[in-house]
Structure formats: C-alpha cells, structure tokens
Amino acid sequence: MDNTTAAKITKRDVLTTLVKAIDAGDIMLDAYDVSAEDVKAYAENEITLLDKRAVKAKERAEKNKAESDELTEVVYETLTDEFEPIANILSRIEGEDLSAAKVVARMRKLVEAGRAEKTELKVKPAEGGRARTVMGYKRA
C-alpha cells in the first residue's frame, strides 16, 4: 500500500503486512528479545481475533435489524386513519425498553417507505397555556 492513497490503513493491513514482511525475510529481529516467529505468531493471532470480532459484530447487527423490523411492523399496526401524536401511538404499544425516540425512528422509516404520512398537529395543553405543535402520524 502506498502513502498516496486516501484509504485508511487498518490494524488488519498493518498486521498482514508484518506477517508478509517476516515471511519474505525483510524483517530481522535477531538483536531483540522477541523473535520474528513470535512477532509473526502474535500478528496472526490478532488477525484471528479481528475476524472473530467481525463475525460477532455482524451477528449483533443482524439481530438488531430483525428486532428493528419487528418493531417497525408493531408500530405500523398501531397506526390509525387519523393523525395522532407520538405519545398516543406510544401508549398503545407494549414494551419495557420502548421510548418515543425509537417509535419516531420507526415512523420515519414508514414515512420514507410511503406506508405512513405525517403532518404538524396543534395540541392544546390540559390547563390553559399555549398550544404546541407536534408531529402527527397516520397510515398512508
């Protein structure tokens, strides 16, 4: 890899290059406490650990995506044909770790997919005061 490329040099790139350089005999470590074979073994072990972490990260991402898709469908099923604020929609969905932010994120996906519509709603407070504007959502 030359230094003129804009690509980021990763840990894998460095370790792979180190292993190749040791195999080619370009790196001699005879004057040091650690042998070239020890450095090579260490680099290969680190590459293996990187592979394992990448697999785990991919599994977590797939699990989170599946959960996200399920929640998106649950949110869609709670929508009605009338515009409603997130608080009303959220009150009809059961879940301990559910927040308004998670529901809003799913609503954004539904709106982008054309399955839901959104508009601004004026909400009057229970005890006087000024009305506030919130986003309302309904099925498309």
N, C-alpha and C. Protein backbone atom coordinates (compact mmCIF):
# COMPACT_ATOMS: atom_id res chain seq x y z
N MET A 1 0.84 -1.17 0.00
CA MET A 1 0.00 0.00 0.00
C MET A 1 0.89 1.24 0.00
N ASP A 2 0.64 2.19 -0.90
CA ASP A 2 1.47 3.39 -0.88
C ASP A 2 0.77 4.50 -0.11
N ASN A 3 1.54 5.47 0.30
CA ASN A 3 1.01 6.54 1.16
C ASN A 3 0.18 7.56 0.42
N THR A 4 0.10 7.49 -0.90
CA THR A 4 -0.66 8.48 -1.65
C THR A 4 -2.14 8.14 -1.73
N THR A 5 -2.52 6.92 -1.35
CA THR A 5 -3.93 6.55 -1.39
C THR A 5 -4.67 7.20 -0.22
N ALA A 6 -5.95 7.46 -0.44
CA ALA A 6 -6.77 8.08 0.58
C ALA A 6 -7.37 7.05 1.52
N ALA A 7 -7.17 5.76 1.25
CA ALA A 7 -7.74 4.71 2.07
C ALA A 7 -7.10 4.71 3.45
N LYS A 8 -7.91 4.45 4.44
CA LYS A 8 -7.44 4.38 5.81
C LYS A 8 -6.69 3.06 6.01
N ILE A 9 -5.56 3.12 6.66
CA ILE A 9 -4.79 1.92 6.95
C ILE A 9 -5.36 1.32 8.23
N THR A 10 -5.78 0.06 8.14
CA THR A 10 -6.40 -0.60 9.27
C THR A 10 -5.40 -1.44 10.04
N LYS A 11 -5.83 -1.87 11.20
CA LYS A 11 -5.00 -2.76 12.01
C LYS A 11 -4.71 -4.05 11.24
N ARG A 12 -5.72 -4.55 10.53
CA ARG A 12 -5.55 -5.77 9.72
C ARG A 12 -4.47 -5.55 8.66
N ASP A 13 -4.48 -4.38 8.00
CA ASP A 13 -3.48 -4.08 6.99
C ASP A 13 -2.07 -4.13 7.58
N VAL A 14 -1.89 -3.52 8.72
CA VAL A 14 -0.57 -3.47 9.36
C VAL A 14 -0.12 -4.87 9.76
N LEU A 15 -1.02 -5.63 10.38
CA LEU A 15 -0.64 -6.98 10.82
C LEU A 15 -0.35 -7.90 9.64
N THR A 16 -1.16 -7.82 8.59
CA THR A 16 -0.93 -8.64 7.41
C THR A 16 0.40 -8.28 6.76
N THR A 17 0.70 -7.00 6.67
CA THR A 17 1.97 -6.56 6.10
C THR A 17 3.14 -7.06 6.95
N LEU A 18 2.98 -7.02 8.25
CA LEU A 18 4.03 -7.50 9.15
C LEU A 18 4.30 -8.99 8.93
N VAL A 19 3.24 -9.79 8.82
CA VAL A 19 3.39 -11.22 8.57
C VAL A 19 4.08 -11.46 7.24
N LYS A 20 3.67 -10.75 6.20
CA LYS A 20 4.29 -10.91 4.87
C LYS A 20 5.77 -10.52 4.89
N ALA A 21 6.07 -9.43 5.61
CA ALA A 21 7.46 -8.97 5.67
C ALA A 21 8.34 -9.97 6.40
N ILE A 22 7.82 -10.59 7.44
CA ILE A 22 8.59 -11.60 8.17
C ILE A 22 8.78 -12.83 7.30
N ASP A 23 7.71 -13.25 6.59
CA ASP A 23 7.82 -14.41 5.69
C ASP A 23 8.84 -14.16 4.58
N ALA A 24 8.91 -12.93 4.09
CA ALA A 24 9.83 -12.60 3.00
C ALA A 24 11.26 -12.38 3.50
N GLY A 25 11.42 -12.34 4.81
CA GLY A 25 12.76 -12.13 5.37
C GLY A 25 13.17 -10.67 5.39
N ASP A 26 12.20 -9.76 5.20
CA ASP A 26 12.50 -8.33 5.19
C ASP A 26 12.69 -7.77 6.59
N ILE A 27 12.22 -8.49 7.60
CA ILE A 27 12.35 -8.02 8.98
C ILE A 27 13.18 -9.03 9.75
N MET A 28 14.25 -8.55 10.30
CA MET A 28 15.13 -9.39 11.10
C MET A 28 15.11 -8.87 12.53
N LEU A 29 14.82 -9.73 13.48
CA LEU A 29 14.72 -9.32 14.87
C LEU A 29 15.72 -10.07 15.75
N ASP A 30 16.83 -10.51 15.19
CA ASP A 30 17.80 -11.31 15.92
C ASP A 30 18.41 -10.56 17.11
N ALA A 31 18.49 -9.25 17.05
CA ALA A 31 19.13 -8.48 18.11
C ALA A 31 18.15 -8.11 19.22
N TYR A 32 16.93 -8.58 19.13
CA TYR A 32 15.92 -8.20 20.13
C TYR A 32 15.48 -9.41 20.95
N ASP A 33 14.76 -9.15 22.03
CA ASP A 33 14.30 -10.22 22.93
C ASP A 33 13.18 -11.05 22.30
N VAL A 34 12.48 -10.52 21.33
CA VAL A 34 11.37 -11.21 20.69
C VAL A 34 11.81 -11.65 19.29
N SER A 35 11.56 -12.91 18.99
CA SER A 35 11.97 -13.42 17.68
C SER A 35 10.95 -13.04 16.61
N ALA A 36 11.37 -13.13 15.37
CA ALA A 36 10.49 -12.83 14.25
C ALA A 36 9.30 -13.79 14.25
N GLU A 37 9.53 -15.05 14.61
CA GLU A 37 8.44 -16.03 14.65
C GLU A 37 7.42 -15.68 15.73
N ASP A 38 7.91 -15.14 16.87
CA ASP A 38 6.99 -14.72 17.94
C ASP A 38 6.13 -13.55 17.47
N VAL A 39 6.76 -12.61 16.79
CA VAL A 39 6.02 -11.45 16.27
C VAL A 39 5.01 -11.92 15.23
N LYS A 40 5.40 -12.84 14.38
CA LYS A 40 4.50 -13.37 13.36
C LYS A 40 3.31 -14.08 14.02
N ALA A 41 3.58 -14.92 15.02
CA ALA A 41 2.52 -15.64 15.72
C ALA A 41 1.55 -14.66 16.39
N TYR A 42 2.12 -13.61 17.00
CA TYR A 42 1.28 -12.60 17.64
C TYR A 42 0.38 -11.91 16.60
N ALA A 43 0.96 -11.51 15.48
CA ALA A 43 0.19 -10.82 14.44
C ALA A 43 -0.91 -11.73 13.88
N GLU A 44 -0.60 -12.99 13.65
CA GLU A 44 -1.61 -13.92 13.15
C GLU A 44 -2.73 -14.13 14.16
N ASN A 45 -2.37 -14.18 15.45
CA ASN A 45 -3.39 -14.32 16.50
C ASN A 45 -4.29 -13.08 16.53
N GLU A 46 -3.72 -11.91 16.41
CA GLU A 46 -4.52 -10.68 16.40
C GLU A 46 -5.46 -10.63 15.20
N ILE A 47 -4.99 -11.11 14.05
CA ILE A 47 -5.86 -11.18 12.86
C ILE A 47 -7.03 -12.12 13.12
N THR A 48 -6.77 -13.25 13.77
CA THR A 48 -7.83 -14.19 14.11
C THR A 48 -8.85 -13.54 15.05
N LEU A 49 -8.36 -12.80 16.04
CA LEU A 49 -9.25 -12.10 16.96
C LEU A 49 -10.09 -11.05 16.24
N LEU A 50 -9.48 -10.34 15.29
CA LEU A 50 -10.23 -9.37 14.49
C LEU A 50 -11.36 -10.05 13.71
N ASP A 51 -11.06 -11.22 13.15
CA ASP A 51 -12.07 -11.98 12.41
C ASP A 51 -13.24 -12.37 13.32
N LYS A 52 -12.90 -12.86 14.52
CA LYS A 52 -13.94 -13.26 15.47
C LYS A 52 -14.81 -12.06 15.86
N ARG A 53 -14.18 -10.91 16.13
CA ARG A 53 -14.94 -9.71 16.48
C ARG A 53 -15.85 -9.27 15.34
N ALA A 54 -15.36 -9.40 14.12
CA ALA A 54 -16.16 -9.00 12.96
C ALA A 54 -17.39 -9.90 12.81
N VAL A 55 -17.21 -11.20 13.05
CA VAL A 55 -18.34 -12.13 12.98
C VAL A 55 -19.38 -11.78 14.05
N LYS A 56 -18.92 -11.55 15.27
CA LYS A 56 -19.83 -11.20 16.37
C LYS A 56 -20.56 -9.90 16.07
N ALA A 57 -19.86 -8.92 15.54
CA ALA A 57 -20.49 -7.64 15.22
C ALA A 57 -21.55 -7.81 14.15
N LYS A 58 -21.27 -8.66 13.17
CA LYS A 58 -22.25 -8.91 12.11
C LYS A 58 -23.49 -9.60 12.68
N GLU A 59 -23.29 -10.57 13.58
CA GLU A 59 -24.42 -11.25 14.21
C GLU A 59 -25.26 -10.27 15.01
N ARG A 60 -24.60 -9.37 15.78
CA ARG A 60 -25.34 -8.38 16.56
C ARG A 60 -26.13 -7.45 15.65
N ALA A 61 -25.51 -7.04 14.56
CA ALA A 61 -26.19 -6.13 13.63
C ALA A 61 -27.41 -6.80 13.01
N GLU A 62 -27.29 -8.08 12.64
CA GLU A 62 -28.43 -8.80 12.08
C GLU A 62 -29.55 -8.95 13.10
N LYS A 63 -29.19 -9.23 14.34
CA LYS A 63 -30.19 -9.37 15.41
C LYS A 63 -30.91 -8.03 15.63
N ASN A 64 -30.13 -6.95 15.71
CA ASN A 64 -30.73 -5.63 15.92
C ASN A 64 -31.63 -5.24 14.75
N LYS A 65 -31.22 -5.59 13.54
CA LYS A 65 -32.02 -5.27 12.37
C LYS A 65 -33.34 -6.03 12.41
N ALA A 66 -33.30 -7.30 12.80
CA ALA A 66 -34.51 -8.11 12.88
C ALA A 66 -35.46 -7.54 13.94
N GLU A 67 -34.90 -7.15 15.10
CA GLU A 67 -35.72 -6.55 16.15
C GLU A 67 -36.31 -5.23 15.67
N SER A 68 -35.51 -4.46 14.95
CA SER A 68 -35.97 -3.18 14.42
C SER A 68 -37.12 -3.39 13.45
N ASP A 69 -36.98 -4.40 12.56
CA ASP A 69 -38.04 -4.69 11.60
C ASP A 69 -39.32 -5.10 12.30
N GLU A 70 -39.20 -5.91 13.36
CA GLU A 70 -40.38 -6.33 14.12
C GLU A 70 -41.05 -5.13 14.75
N LEU A 71 -40.27 -4.24 15.35
CA LEU A 71 -40.84 -3.06 15.98
C LEU A 71 -41.49 -2.15 14.95
N THR A 72 -40.91 -2.04 13.78
CA THR A 72 -41.49 -1.22 12.72
C THR A 72 -42.89 -1.74 12.37
N GLU A 73 -43.04 -3.05 12.29
CA GLU A 73 -44.34 -3.64 11.98
C GLU A 73 -45.33 -3.43 13.12
N VAL A 74 -44.87 -3.54 14.37
CA VAL A 74 -45.74 -3.29 15.52
C VAL A 74 -46.23 -1.85 15.49
N VAL A 75 -45.33 -0.92 15.22
CA VAL A 75 -45.70 0.50 15.16
C VAL A 75 -46.71 0.71 14.03
N TYR A 76 -46.47 0.11 12.88
CA TYR A 76 -47.39 0.26 11.75
C TYR A 76 -48.79 -0.26 12.10
N GLU A 77 -48.85 -1.39 12.80
CA GLU A 77 -50.14 -1.97 13.17
C GLU A 77 -50.93 -1.09 14.13
N THR A 78 -50.26 -0.24 14.90
CA THR A 78 -50.96 0.63 15.85
C THR A 78 -51.45 1.92 15.21
N LEU A 79 -51.02 2.20 14.01
CA LEU A 79 -51.46 3.42 13.34
C LEU A 79 -52.94 3.32 12.95
N THR A 80 -53.59 4.47 12.95
CA THR A 80 -54.99 4.54 12.55
C THR A 80 -55.08 5.39 11.29
N ASP A 81 -56.31 5.69 10.87
CA ASP A 81 -56.53 6.53 9.69
C ASP A 81 -56.60 8.01 10.06
N GLU A 82 -56.41 8.33 11.33
CA GLU A 82 -56.41 9.72 11.81
C GLU A 82 -55.01 10.09 12.28
N PHE A 83 -54.61 11.34 12.04
CA PHE A 83 -53.30 11.79 12.52
C PHE A 83 -53.30 11.82 14.04
N GLU A 84 -52.24 11.26 14.62
CA GLU A 84 -52.08 11.23 16.07
C GLU A 84 -50.65 11.55 16.44
N PRO A 85 -50.46 12.19 17.61
CA PRO A 85 -49.08 12.45 18.06
C PRO A 85 -48.41 11.15 18.53
N ILE A 86 -47.11 11.18 18.60
CA ILE A 86 -46.32 10.01 19.02
C ILE A 86 -46.76 9.51 20.39
N ALA A 87 -47.08 10.41 21.30
CA ALA A 87 -47.47 10.00 22.66
C ALA A 87 -48.67 9.06 22.62
N ASN A 88 -49.64 9.33 21.77
CA ASN A 88 -50.82 8.46 21.67
C ASN A 88 -50.45 7.11 21.08
N ILE A 89 -49.62 7.13 20.05
CA ILE A 89 -49.19 5.88 19.41
C ILE A 89 -48.38 5.04 20.40
N LEU A 90 -47.48 5.69 21.10
CA LEU A 90 -46.62 5.02 22.07
C LEU A 90 -47.44 4.37 23.18
N SER A 91 -48.53 5.02 23.60
CA SER A 91 -49.35 4.49 24.69
C SER A 91 -50.04 3.17 24.32
N ARG A 92 -50.18 2.89 23.04
CA ARG A 92 -50.83 1.65 22.59
C ARG A 92 -49.84 0.51 22.34
N ILE A 93 -48.56 0.79 22.48
CA ILE A 93 -47.54 -0.23 22.23
C ILE A 93 -46.95 -0.67 23.55
N GLU A 94 -46.89 -1.99 23.75
CA GLU A 94 -46.32 -2.51 24.98
C GLU A 94 -44.84 -2.78 24.79
N GLY A 95 -44.07 -2.52 25.83
CA GLY A 95 -42.64 -2.79 25.78
C GLY A 95 -41.92 -2.01 26.85
N GLU A 96 -41.07 -2.70 27.59
CA GLU A 96 -40.36 -2.05 28.69
C GLU A 96 -39.32 -1.05 28.20
N ASP A 97 -38.58 -1.42 27.18
CA ASP A 97 -37.48 -0.58 26.73
C ASP A 97 -37.87 0.29 25.54
N LEU A 98 -39.15 0.56 25.40
CA LEU A 98 -39.64 1.35 24.28
C LEU A 98 -39.64 2.82 24.66
N SER A 99 -39.15 3.66 23.76
CA SER A 99 -39.12 5.10 24.00
C SER A 99 -39.74 5.82 22.82
N ALA A 100 -40.05 7.07 23.03
CA ALA A 100 -40.61 7.88 21.94
C ALA A 100 -39.61 7.99 20.80
N ALA A 101 -38.34 8.07 21.12
CA ALA A 101 -37.31 8.18 20.08
C ALA A 101 -37.29 6.94 19.19
N LYS A 102 -37.45 5.75 19.79
CA LYS A 102 -37.47 4.52 18.99
C LYS A 102 -38.69 4.49 18.08
N VAL A 103 -39.84 4.95 18.59
CA VAL A 103 -41.05 4.97 17.77
C VAL A 103 -40.91 5.99 16.65
N VAL A 104 -40.35 7.16 16.95
CA VAL A 104 -40.15 8.19 15.92
C VAL A 104 -39.22 7.66 14.82
N ALA A 105 -38.19 6.94 15.18
CA ALA A 105 -37.27 6.38 14.18
C ALA A 105 -38.01 5.41 13.27
N ARG A 106 -38.88 4.58 13.83
CA ARG A 106 -39.66 3.65 13.00
C ARG A 106 -40.67 4.39 12.15
N MET A 107 -41.25 5.46 12.70
CA MET A 107 -42.21 6.26 11.92
C MET A 107 -41.51 6.89 10.72
N ARG A 108 -40.28 7.36 10.92
CA ARG A 108 -39.52 7.94 9.82
C ARG A 108 -39.33 6.91 8.70
N LYS A 109 -39.01 5.66 9.08
CA LYS A 109 -38.86 4.59 8.09
C LYS A 109 -40.17 4.36 7.34
N LEU A 110 -41.27 4.34 8.10
CA LEU A 110 -42.57 4.09 7.48
C LEU A 110 -42.97 5.22 6.53
N VAL A 111 -42.66 6.46 6.91
CA VAL A 111 -42.96 7.60 6.04
C VAL A 111 -42.12 7.53 4.78
N GLU A 112 -40.82 7.23 4.91
CA GLU A 112 -39.93 7.12 3.75
C GLU A 112 -40.38 5.99 2.81
N ALA A 113 -40.96 4.93 3.39
CA ALA A 113 -41.42 3.80 2.58
C ALA A 113 -42.80 4.05 1.98
N GLY A 114 -43.42 5.18 2.35
CA GLY A 114 -44.75 5.51 1.83
C GLY A 114 -45.88 4.76 2.52
N ARG A 115 -45.59 4.14 3.65
CA ARG A 115 -46.62 3.39 4.38
C ARG A 115 -47.33 4.24 5.42
N ALA A 116 -46.78 5.41 5.73
CA ALA A 116 -47.37 6.32 6.72
C ALA A 116 -47.22 7.75 6.21
N GLU A 117 -48.05 8.62 6.78
CA GLU A 117 -47.98 10.05 6.46
C GLU A 117 -47.77 10.81 7.75
N LYS A 118 -47.18 12.02 7.62
CA LYS A 118 -47.00 12.84 8.81
C LYS A 118 -47.42 14.27 8.50
N THR A 119 -47.83 14.96 9.55
CA THR A 119 -48.21 16.37 9.44
C THR A 119 -48.05 17.01 10.81
N GLU A 120 -48.07 18.33 10.84
CA GLU A 120 -47.98 19.03 12.12
C GLU A 120 -49.36 19.12 12.74
N LEU A 121 -49.43 18.88 14.04
CA LEU A 121 -50.68 18.97 14.79
C LEU A 121 -50.54 20.01 15.88
N LYS A 122 -51.61 20.76 16.14
CA LYS A 122 -51.64 21.68 17.27
C LYS A 122 -52.25 20.94 18.45
N VAL A 123 -51.53 20.87 19.57
CA VAL A 123 -52.01 20.18 20.76
C VAL A 123 -52.23 21.21 21.85
N LYS A 124 -53.45 21.23 22.38
CA LYS A 124 -53.78 22.16 23.46
C LYS A 124 -53.41 21.54 24.79
N PRO A 125 -52.80 22.32 25.67
CA PRO A 125 -52.45 21.78 26.99
C PRO A 125 -53.71 21.59 27.84
N ALA A 126 -53.64 20.69 28.82
CA ALA A 126 -54.79 20.40 29.68
C ALA A 126 -55.20 21.60 30.53
N GLU A 127 -54.24 22.37 31.03
CA GLU A 127 -54.53 23.50 31.91
C GLU A 127 -54.10 24.81 31.27
N GLY A 128 -54.89 25.35 30.39
CA GLY A 128 -54.57 26.64 29.78
C GLY A 128 -53.22 26.61 29.11
N GLY A 129 -52.61 27.77 29.02
CA GLY A 129 -51.30 27.84 28.39
C GLY A 129 -51.40 27.89 26.88
N ARG A 130 -50.27 27.84 26.23
CA ARG A 130 -50.24 27.93 24.77
C ARG A 130 -50.27 26.55 24.15
N ALA A 131 -50.89 26.48 23.01
CA ALA A 131 -50.89 25.23 22.25
C ALA A 131 -49.49 25.01 21.69
N ARG A 132 -49.12 23.77 21.56
CA ARG A 132 -47.82 23.47 20.97
C ARG A 132 -48.01 22.64 19.71
N THR A 133 -47.00 22.66 18.88
CA THR A 133 -47.06 21.94 17.62
C THR A 133 -46.21 20.67 17.73
N VAL A 134 -46.82 19.53 17.38
CA VAL A 134 -46.12 18.25 17.37
C VAL A 134 -46.40 17.57 16.05
N MET A 135 -45.58 16.57 15.74
CA MET A 135 -45.82 15.81 14.52
C MET A 135 -46.89 14.75 14.78
N GLY A 136 -47.77 14.60 13.80
CA GLY A 136 -48.80 13.58 13.89
C GLY A 136 -48.61 12.59 12.74
N TYR A 137 -48.96 11.34 13.00
CA TYR A 137 -48.76 10.28 12.01
C TYR A 137 -50.04 9.48 11.82
N LYS A 138 -50.22 8.95 10.61
CA LYS A 138 -51.33 8.05 10.30
C LYS A 138 -50.90 7.11 9.20
N ARG A 139 -51.71 6.08 8.97
CA ARG A 139 -51.45 5.16 7.87
C ARG A 139 -51.63 5.87 6.54
N ALA A 140 -50.82 5.51 5.57
CA ALA A 140 -50.94 6.12 4.26
C ALA A 140 -52.06 5.47 3.48
